[in-house]
């Protein structure tokens, strides 16, 4: 069955601009967050906080999240996070990480080996002391 053809567009028909369709995640500056938190702390009357949130276009979860970040003492608590994927590391960076991991592994094995040698020396000294004690008895 053939699909119905779409009628041609009239000059009077309104078409949405596709570049405006994409929504963007809001990001707030640290200064804005600090200002809003200060204003929220000064709200004491009934409905003042709700009016502030409506005026600024915010949700109460924004305030609670920002307050939790400040209470946790995060260094960059009130700065916006960069959206998107983390940049990929190039071959040099991956090789550096691989070599550092191998170096740490070898340093661990060296530490164990040195401790074993020290233990063997102590055991040999102990055996020599026991043999000397038996020979004098």
N, C-alpha and C. Protein backbone atom coordinates (compact mmCIF):
# COMPACT_ATOMS: atom_id res chain seq x y z
N UNK A 1 0.85 -1.17 0.00
CA UNK A 1 0.00 0.00 0.00
C UNK A 1 0.89 1.23 0.00
N UNK A 2 0.70 2.14 -0.90
CA UNK A 2 1.56 3.33 -0.98
C UNK A 2 1.28 4.26 0.19
N UNK A 3 2.35 4.92 0.64
CA UNK A 3 2.23 5.86 1.75
C UNK A 3 1.63 7.16 1.22
N UNK A 4 0.77 7.76 2.01
CA UNK A 4 0.20 9.03 1.56
C UNK A 4 1.29 10.09 1.50
N UNK A 5 1.26 10.87 0.50
CA UNK A 5 2.27 11.92 0.38
C UNK A 5 1.90 13.07 1.30
N UNK A 6 2.90 13.73 1.80
CA UNK A 6 2.64 14.85 2.69
C UNK A 6 2.29 16.06 1.85
N UNK A 7 1.31 16.78 2.28
CA UNK A 7 0.91 17.95 1.51
C UNK A 7 2.00 19.01 1.55
N UNK A 8 2.14 19.79 0.53
CA UNK A 8 3.15 20.85 0.54
C UNK A 8 2.82 21.88 1.62
N UNK A 9 3.88 22.50 2.15
CA UNK A 9 3.70 23.47 3.23
C UNK A 9 3.12 24.77 2.69
N UNK A 10 2.16 25.29 3.43
CA UNK A 10 1.61 26.61 3.12
C UNK A 10 2.57 27.67 3.60
N UNK A 11 2.46 28.82 3.06
CA UNK A 11 3.26 29.94 3.54
C UNK A 11 2.77 30.38 4.91
N UNK A 12 1.51 30.07 5.22
CA UNK A 12 0.96 30.49 6.50
C UNK A 12 1.24 29.48 7.62
N UNK A 13 1.77 28.31 7.26
CA UNK A 13 2.02 27.28 8.27
C UNK A 13 3.31 27.59 9.02
N UNK A 14 3.25 27.43 10.34
CA UNK A 14 4.39 27.73 11.20
C UNK A 14 5.18 26.45 11.42
N UNK A 15 6.48 26.50 11.18
CA UNK A 15 7.36 25.36 11.37
C UNK A 15 8.38 25.73 12.44
N UNK A 16 8.55 24.82 13.40
CA UNK A 16 9.49 25.08 14.49
C UNK A 16 10.92 25.02 13.97
N UNK A 17 11.74 25.89 14.51
CA UNK A 17 13.15 25.91 14.14
C UNK A 17 13.84 24.75 14.86
N UNK A 18 14.43 23.79 14.14
CA UNK A 18 15.03 22.63 14.80
C UNK A 18 16.20 23.00 15.70
N UNK A 19 16.86 24.11 15.45
CA UNK A 19 17.99 24.49 16.31
C UNK A 19 17.52 24.90 17.69
N UNK A 20 16.25 25.26 17.83
CA UNK A 20 15.73 25.67 19.13
C UNK A 20 15.14 24.50 19.92
N UNK A 21 15.05 23.33 19.32
CA UNK A 21 14.43 22.19 19.98
C UNK A 21 15.31 21.59 21.07
N UNK A 22 16.60 21.70 20.93
CA UNK A 22 17.50 21.05 21.88
C UNK A 22 17.52 21.82 23.19
N UNK A 23 17.19 21.13 24.25
CA UNK A 23 17.21 21.75 25.56
C UNK A 23 18.61 21.65 26.14
N UNK A 24 18.97 22.63 26.93
CA UNK A 24 20.28 22.65 27.54
C UNK A 24 20.12 22.54 29.05
N UNK A 25 21.02 21.81 29.66
CA UNK A 25 21.02 21.70 31.10
C UNK A 25 21.48 23.03 31.69
N UNK A 26 20.76 23.48 32.71
CA UNK A 26 21.12 24.74 33.33
C UNK A 26 22.37 24.55 34.17
N UNK A 27 23.20 25.55 34.19
CA UNK A 27 24.36 25.54 35.09
C UNK A 27 24.39 26.87 35.81
N UNK A 28 24.70 26.81 37.07
CA UNK A 28 24.68 27.99 37.91
C UNK A 28 26.10 28.30 38.36
N UNK A 29 26.44 29.57 38.37
CA UNK A 29 27.77 29.97 38.81
C UNK A 29 27.85 29.89 40.32
N UNK A 30 29.07 29.83 40.83
CA UNK A 30 29.26 29.79 42.27
C UNK A 30 28.75 31.05 42.94
N UNK A 31 28.93 32.18 42.28
CA UNK A 31 28.45 33.44 42.83
C UNK A 31 26.93 33.43 42.95
N UNK A 32 26.24 32.92 41.92
CA UNK A 32 24.78 32.84 41.94
C UNK A 32 24.32 31.94 43.08
N UNK A 33 24.97 30.79 43.22
CA UNK A 33 24.58 29.85 44.29
C UNK A 33 24.77 30.48 45.66
N UNK A 34 25.89 31.15 45.87
CA UNK A 34 26.13 31.80 47.16
C UNK A 34 25.08 32.88 47.44
N UNK A 35 24.75 33.66 46.41
CA UNK A 35 23.76 34.72 46.58
C UNK A 35 22.40 34.15 46.93
N UNK A 36 22.00 33.08 46.24
CA UNK A 36 20.69 32.46 46.51
C UNK A 36 20.67 31.84 47.91
N UNK A 37 21.76 31.17 48.30
CA UNK A 37 21.79 30.58 49.65
C UNK A 37 21.71 31.66 50.71
N UNK A 38 22.38 32.79 50.49
CA UNK A 38 22.31 33.89 51.45
C UNK A 38 20.89 34.45 51.52
N UNK A 39 20.25 34.61 50.37
CA UNK A 39 18.88 35.11 50.36
C UNK A 39 17.93 34.11 51.02
N UNK A 40 18.17 32.82 50.79
CA UNK A 40 17.31 31.79 51.39
C UNK A 40 17.45 31.79 52.91
N UNK A 41 18.65 32.03 53.40
CA UNK A 41 18.85 32.08 54.85
C UNK A 41 18.15 33.28 55.47
N UNK A 42 18.01 34.35 54.70
CA UNK A 42 17.37 35.55 55.24
C UNK A 42 15.83 35.48 55.19
N UNK A 43 15.29 34.48 54.51
CA UNK A 43 13.84 34.32 54.43
C UNK A 43 13.32 33.75 55.73
N UNK A 44 12.51 34.54 56.44
CA UNK A 44 11.97 34.07 57.72
C UNK A 44 10.45 34.02 57.71
N UNK A 45 9.83 34.83 56.89
CA UNK A 45 8.37 34.89 56.85
C UNK A 45 7.77 33.73 56.09
N UNK A 46 6.48 33.53 56.31
CA UNK A 46 5.75 32.46 55.66
C UNK A 46 5.68 32.71 54.15
N UNK A 47 6.17 31.79 53.35
CA UNK A 47 6.08 31.89 51.91
C UNK A 47 7.20 32.67 51.23
N UNK A 48 8.10 33.26 52.01
CA UNK A 48 9.18 34.04 51.40
C UNK A 48 10.13 33.14 50.61
N UNK A 49 10.45 32.00 51.17
CA UNK A 49 11.37 31.08 50.49
C UNK A 49 10.75 30.56 49.20
N UNK A 50 9.47 30.23 49.24
CA UNK A 50 8.79 29.75 48.04
C UNK A 50 8.75 30.84 46.97
N UNK A 51 8.54 32.08 47.39
CA UNK A 51 8.52 33.19 46.44
C UNK A 51 9.91 33.37 45.81
N UNK A 52 10.95 33.24 46.62
CA UNK A 52 12.32 33.35 46.10
C UNK A 52 12.58 32.26 45.06
N UNK A 53 12.19 31.04 45.37
CA UNK A 53 12.41 29.93 44.44
C UNK A 53 11.64 30.13 43.15
N UNK A 54 10.39 30.59 43.25
CA UNK A 54 9.60 30.84 42.03
C UNK A 54 10.22 31.96 41.20
N UNK A 55 10.64 33.02 41.88
CA UNK A 55 11.22 34.17 41.17
C UNK A 55 12.49 33.77 40.41
N UNK A 56 13.31 32.92 41.01
CA UNK A 56 14.57 32.52 40.39
C UNK A 56 14.42 31.29 39.51
N UNK A 57 13.27 30.65 39.53
CA UNK A 57 13.06 29.46 38.70
C UNK A 57 13.83 28.25 39.21
N UNK A 58 13.88 28.11 40.54
CA UNK A 58 14.64 27.02 41.15
C UNK A 58 13.70 26.06 41.86
N UNK A 59 14.25 24.91 42.23
CA UNK A 59 13.53 23.92 43.03
C UNK A 59 14.16 23.87 44.41
N UNK A 60 13.39 23.38 45.38
CA UNK A 60 13.93 23.27 46.73
C UNK A 60 15.08 22.26 46.77
N UNK A 61 15.09 21.31 45.84
CA UNK A 61 16.19 20.34 45.80
C UNK A 61 17.51 21.01 45.45
N UNK A 62 17.45 22.11 44.67
CA UNK A 62 18.67 22.86 44.40
C UNK A 62 19.28 23.36 45.70
N UNK A 63 18.43 23.97 46.53
CA UNK A 63 18.93 24.51 47.80
C UNK A 63 19.48 23.41 48.69
N UNK A 64 18.75 22.31 48.81
CA UNK A 64 19.21 21.25 49.69
C UNK A 64 20.52 20.64 49.18
N UNK A 65 20.66 20.52 47.88
CA UNK A 65 21.90 19.97 47.31
C UNK A 65 23.06 20.94 47.56
N UNK A 66 22.85 22.21 47.33
CA UNK A 66 23.91 23.20 47.53
C UNK A 66 24.30 23.29 49.00
N UNK A 67 23.31 23.21 49.89
CA UNK A 67 23.60 23.25 51.33
C UNK A 67 24.41 22.02 51.75
N UNK A 68 24.05 20.86 51.22
CA UNK A 68 24.79 19.63 51.54
C UNK A 68 26.22 19.73 51.06
N UNK A 69 26.43 20.30 49.89
CA UNK A 69 27.78 20.45 49.37
C UNK A 69 28.60 21.38 50.25
N UNK A 70 27.99 22.46 50.71
CA UNK A 70 28.70 23.39 51.58
C UNK A 70 28.99 22.73 52.93
N UNK A 71 28.03 21.99 53.47
CA UNK A 71 28.21 21.32 54.76
C UNK A 71 29.30 20.26 54.67
N UNK A 72 29.41 19.59 53.52
CA UNK A 72 30.44 18.57 53.36
C UNK A 72 31.81 19.20 53.23
N UNK A 73 31.85 20.52 53.02
CA UNK A 73 33.12 21.21 52.95
C UNK A 73 33.86 20.97 51.66
N UNK A 74 33.13 20.70 50.61
CA UNK A 74 33.78 20.48 49.33
C UNK A 74 34.47 21.76 48.90
N UNK A 75 35.67 21.62 48.39
CA UNK A 75 36.46 22.78 47.97
C UNK A 75 35.76 23.51 46.84
N UNK A 76 35.30 22.77 45.87
CA UNK A 76 34.67 23.36 44.70
C UNK A 76 33.15 23.17 44.77
N UNK A 77 32.59 23.25 45.97
CA UNK A 77 31.19 22.89 46.17
C UNK A 77 30.24 23.72 45.32
N UNK A 78 30.48 24.97 45.20
CA UNK A 78 29.51 25.83 44.54
C UNK A 78 29.90 26.21 43.12
N UNK A 79 30.82 25.49 42.53
CA UNK A 79 31.15 25.76 41.13
C UNK A 79 30.45 24.75 40.26
N UNK A 80 30.00 25.16 39.10
CA UNK A 80 29.28 24.21 38.24
C UNK A 80 30.21 23.14 37.69
N UNK A 81 29.65 21.96 37.51
CA UNK A 81 30.42 20.85 36.97
C UNK A 81 30.40 20.93 35.44
N UNK A 82 31.48 20.49 34.86
CA UNK A 82 31.56 20.48 33.41
C UNK A 82 30.84 19.24 32.90
N UNK A 83 29.89 19.44 32.01
CA UNK A 83 29.12 18.33 31.49
C UNK A 83 29.89 17.64 30.37
N UNK A 84 29.55 16.39 30.15
CA UNK A 84 30.13 15.67 29.03
C UNK A 84 31.13 14.62 29.48
N UNK A 85 31.65 13.92 28.49
CA UNK A 85 32.62 12.88 28.76
C UNK A 85 33.96 13.47 29.16
N UNK A 86 34.69 12.67 29.91
CA UNK A 86 36.04 13.07 30.25
C UNK A 86 36.90 12.93 29.00
N UNK A 87 37.88 13.79 28.83
CA UNK A 87 38.71 13.69 27.64
C UNK A 87 39.49 12.39 27.63
N UNK A 88 39.63 11.80 26.46
CA UNK A 88 40.36 10.55 26.35
C UNK A 88 41.85 10.81 26.52
N UNK A 89 42.52 9.87 27.15
CA UNK A 89 43.95 9.99 27.30
C UNK A 89 44.63 9.50 26.03
N UNK A 90 45.72 10.13 25.69
CA UNK A 90 46.42 9.70 24.49
C UNK A 90 47.36 8.54 24.83
N UNK A 91 48.07 8.03 23.85
CA UNK A 91 48.91 6.85 24.02
C UNK A 91 50.03 7.10 25.04
N UNK A 92 50.58 8.29 25.05
CA UNK A 92 51.65 8.60 26.00
C UNK A 92 51.15 8.52 27.43
N UNK A 93 49.97 9.11 27.68
CA UNK A 93 49.42 9.10 29.03
C UNK A 93 49.10 7.68 29.48
N UNK A 94 48.53 6.88 28.58
CA UNK A 94 48.23 5.48 28.94
C UNK A 94 49.51 4.72 29.24
N UNK A 95 50.57 4.97 28.47
CA UNK A 95 51.86 4.30 28.69
C UNK A 95 52.45 4.71 30.02
N UNK A 96 52.33 5.99 30.37
CA UNK A 96 52.83 6.47 31.66
C UNK A 96 52.11 5.78 32.81
N UNK A 97 50.80 5.67 32.70
CA UNK A 97 50.02 5.01 33.75
C UNK A 97 50.42 3.54 33.86
N UNK A 98 50.61 2.89 32.72
CA UNK A 98 51.01 1.48 32.71
C UNK A 98 52.38 1.31 33.36
N UNK A 99 53.33 2.18 33.04
CA UNK A 99 54.67 2.08 33.61
C UNK A 99 54.67 2.38 35.11
N UNK A 100 53.85 3.35 35.53
CA UNK A 100 53.75 3.64 36.96
C UNK A 100 53.18 2.46 37.73
N UNK A 101 52.20 1.79 37.13
CA UNK A 101 51.61 0.62 37.77
C UNK A 101 52.65 -0.51 37.88
N UNK A 102 53.42 -0.73 36.80
CA UNK A 102 54.46 -1.76 36.82
C UNK A 102 55.54 -1.40 37.83
N UNK A 103 55.89 -0.12 37.91
CA UNK A 103 56.90 0.33 38.87
C UNK A 103 56.44 0.07 40.30
N UNK A 104 55.18 0.36 40.58
CA UNK A 104 54.65 0.13 41.92
C UNK A 104 54.67 -1.36 42.27
N UNK A 105 54.34 -2.19 41.28
CA UNK A 105 54.35 -3.63 41.50
C UNK A 105 55.76 -4.13 41.80
N UNK A 106 56.74 -3.65 41.04
CA UNK A 106 58.12 -4.04 41.26
C UNK A 106 58.66 -3.52 42.60
N UNK A 107 58.26 -2.32 42.97
CA UNK A 107 58.68 -1.77 44.27
C UNK A 107 58.12 -2.62 45.41
N UNK A 108 56.90 -3.10 45.25
CA UNK A 108 56.29 -3.97 46.26
C UNK A 108 57.05 -5.29 46.36
N UNK A 109 57.38 -5.87 45.22
CA UNK A 109 58.14 -7.14 45.22
C UNK A 109 59.53 -6.94 45.81
N UNK A 110 60.18 -5.82 45.53
CA UNK A 110 61.49 -5.52 46.10
C UNK A 110 61.41 -5.40 47.61
N UNK A 111 60.38 -4.75 48.11
CA UNK A 111 60.20 -4.60 49.55
C UNK A 111 60.04 -5.97 50.21
N UNK A 112 59.25 -6.84 49.59
CA UNK A 112 59.07 -8.19 50.14
C UNK A 112 60.40 -8.95 50.13
N UNK A 113 61.15 -8.84 49.03
CA UNK A 113 62.44 -9.53 48.93
C UNK A 113 63.41 -9.04 49.99
N UNK A 114 63.48 -7.73 50.20
CA UNK A 114 64.37 -7.20 51.23
C UNK A 114 63.98 -7.68 52.62
N UNK A 115 62.70 -7.76 52.88
CA UNK A 115 62.25 -8.27 54.18
C UNK A 115 62.60 -9.75 54.35
N UNK A 116 62.48 -10.52 53.27
CA UNK A 116 62.85 -11.94 53.34
C UNK A 116 64.35 -12.11 53.60
N UNK A 117 65.17 -11.32 52.96
CA UNK A 117 66.62 -11.39 53.19
C UNK A 117 66.93 -11.03 54.64
N UNK A 118 66.28 -10.01 55.17
CA UNK A 118 66.49 -9.63 56.57
C UNK A 118 66.05 -10.76 57.50
N UNK A 119 64.95 -11.42 57.17
CA UNK A 119 64.48 -12.54 57.98
C UNK A 119 65.47 -13.70 57.93
N UNK A 120 66.01 -13.98 56.75
CA UNK A 120 66.98 -15.07 56.62
C UNK A 120 68.24 -14.76 57.41
N UNK A 121 68.69 -13.50 57.42
CA UNK A 121 69.86 -13.12 58.20
C UNK A 121 69.61 -13.34 59.69
N UNK A 122 68.43 -12.94 60.15
CA UNK A 122 68.10 -13.13 61.57
C UNK A 122 68.04 -14.60 61.91
N UNK A 123 67.45 -15.40 61.01
CA UNK A 123 67.36 -16.85 61.27
C UNK A 123 68.76 -17.46 61.31
N UNK A 124 69.66 -17.04 60.41
CA UNK A 124 71.02 -17.57 60.38
C UNK A 124 71.77 -17.18 61.65
N UNK A 125 71.60 -15.93 62.11
CA UNK A 125 72.23 -15.50 63.35
C UNK A 125 71.70 -16.31 64.53
N UNK A 126 70.40 -16.55 64.53
CA UNK A 126 69.79 -17.34 65.61
C UNK A 126 70.32 -18.77 65.61
N UNK A 127 70.44 -19.36 64.42
CA UNK A 127 70.96 -20.73 64.33
C UNK A 127 72.43 -20.77 64.76
N UNK A 128 73.20 -19.77 64.40
CA UNK A 128 74.61 -19.70 64.81
C UNK A 128 74.72 -19.56 66.32
N UNK A 129 73.85 -18.76 66.93
CA UNK A 129 73.86 -18.57 68.38
C UNK A 129 73.48 -19.87 69.07
N UNK A 130 72.52 -20.61 68.55
CA UNK A 130 72.10 -21.89 69.13
C UNK A 130 73.24 -22.90 69.01
N UNK A 131 73.91 -22.94 67.84
CA UNK A 131 75.03 -23.88 67.63
C UNK A 131 76.19 -23.54 68.56
N UNK A 132 76.46 -22.26 68.77
CA UNK A 132 77.54 -21.84 69.67
C UNK A 132 77.22 -22.22 71.10
N UNK A 133 75.96 -22.09 71.47
CA UNK A 133 75.55 -22.42 72.83
C UNK A 133 75.65 -23.93 73.07
N UNK A 134 75.31 -24.72 72.05
CA UNK A 134 75.38 -26.19 72.20
C UNK A 134 76.82 -26.65 72.24
N UNK A 135 77.70 -25.98 71.49
CA UNK A 135 79.09 -26.42 71.48
C UNK A 135 79.80 -26.08 72.80
N UNK A 136 79.37 -25.06 73.49
CA UNK A 136 79.96 -24.71 74.78
C UNK A 136 79.39 -25.56 75.90
N UNK A 137 78.27 -26.13 75.72
CA UNK A 137 77.65 -26.92 76.79
C UNK A 137 78.21 -28.31 76.87
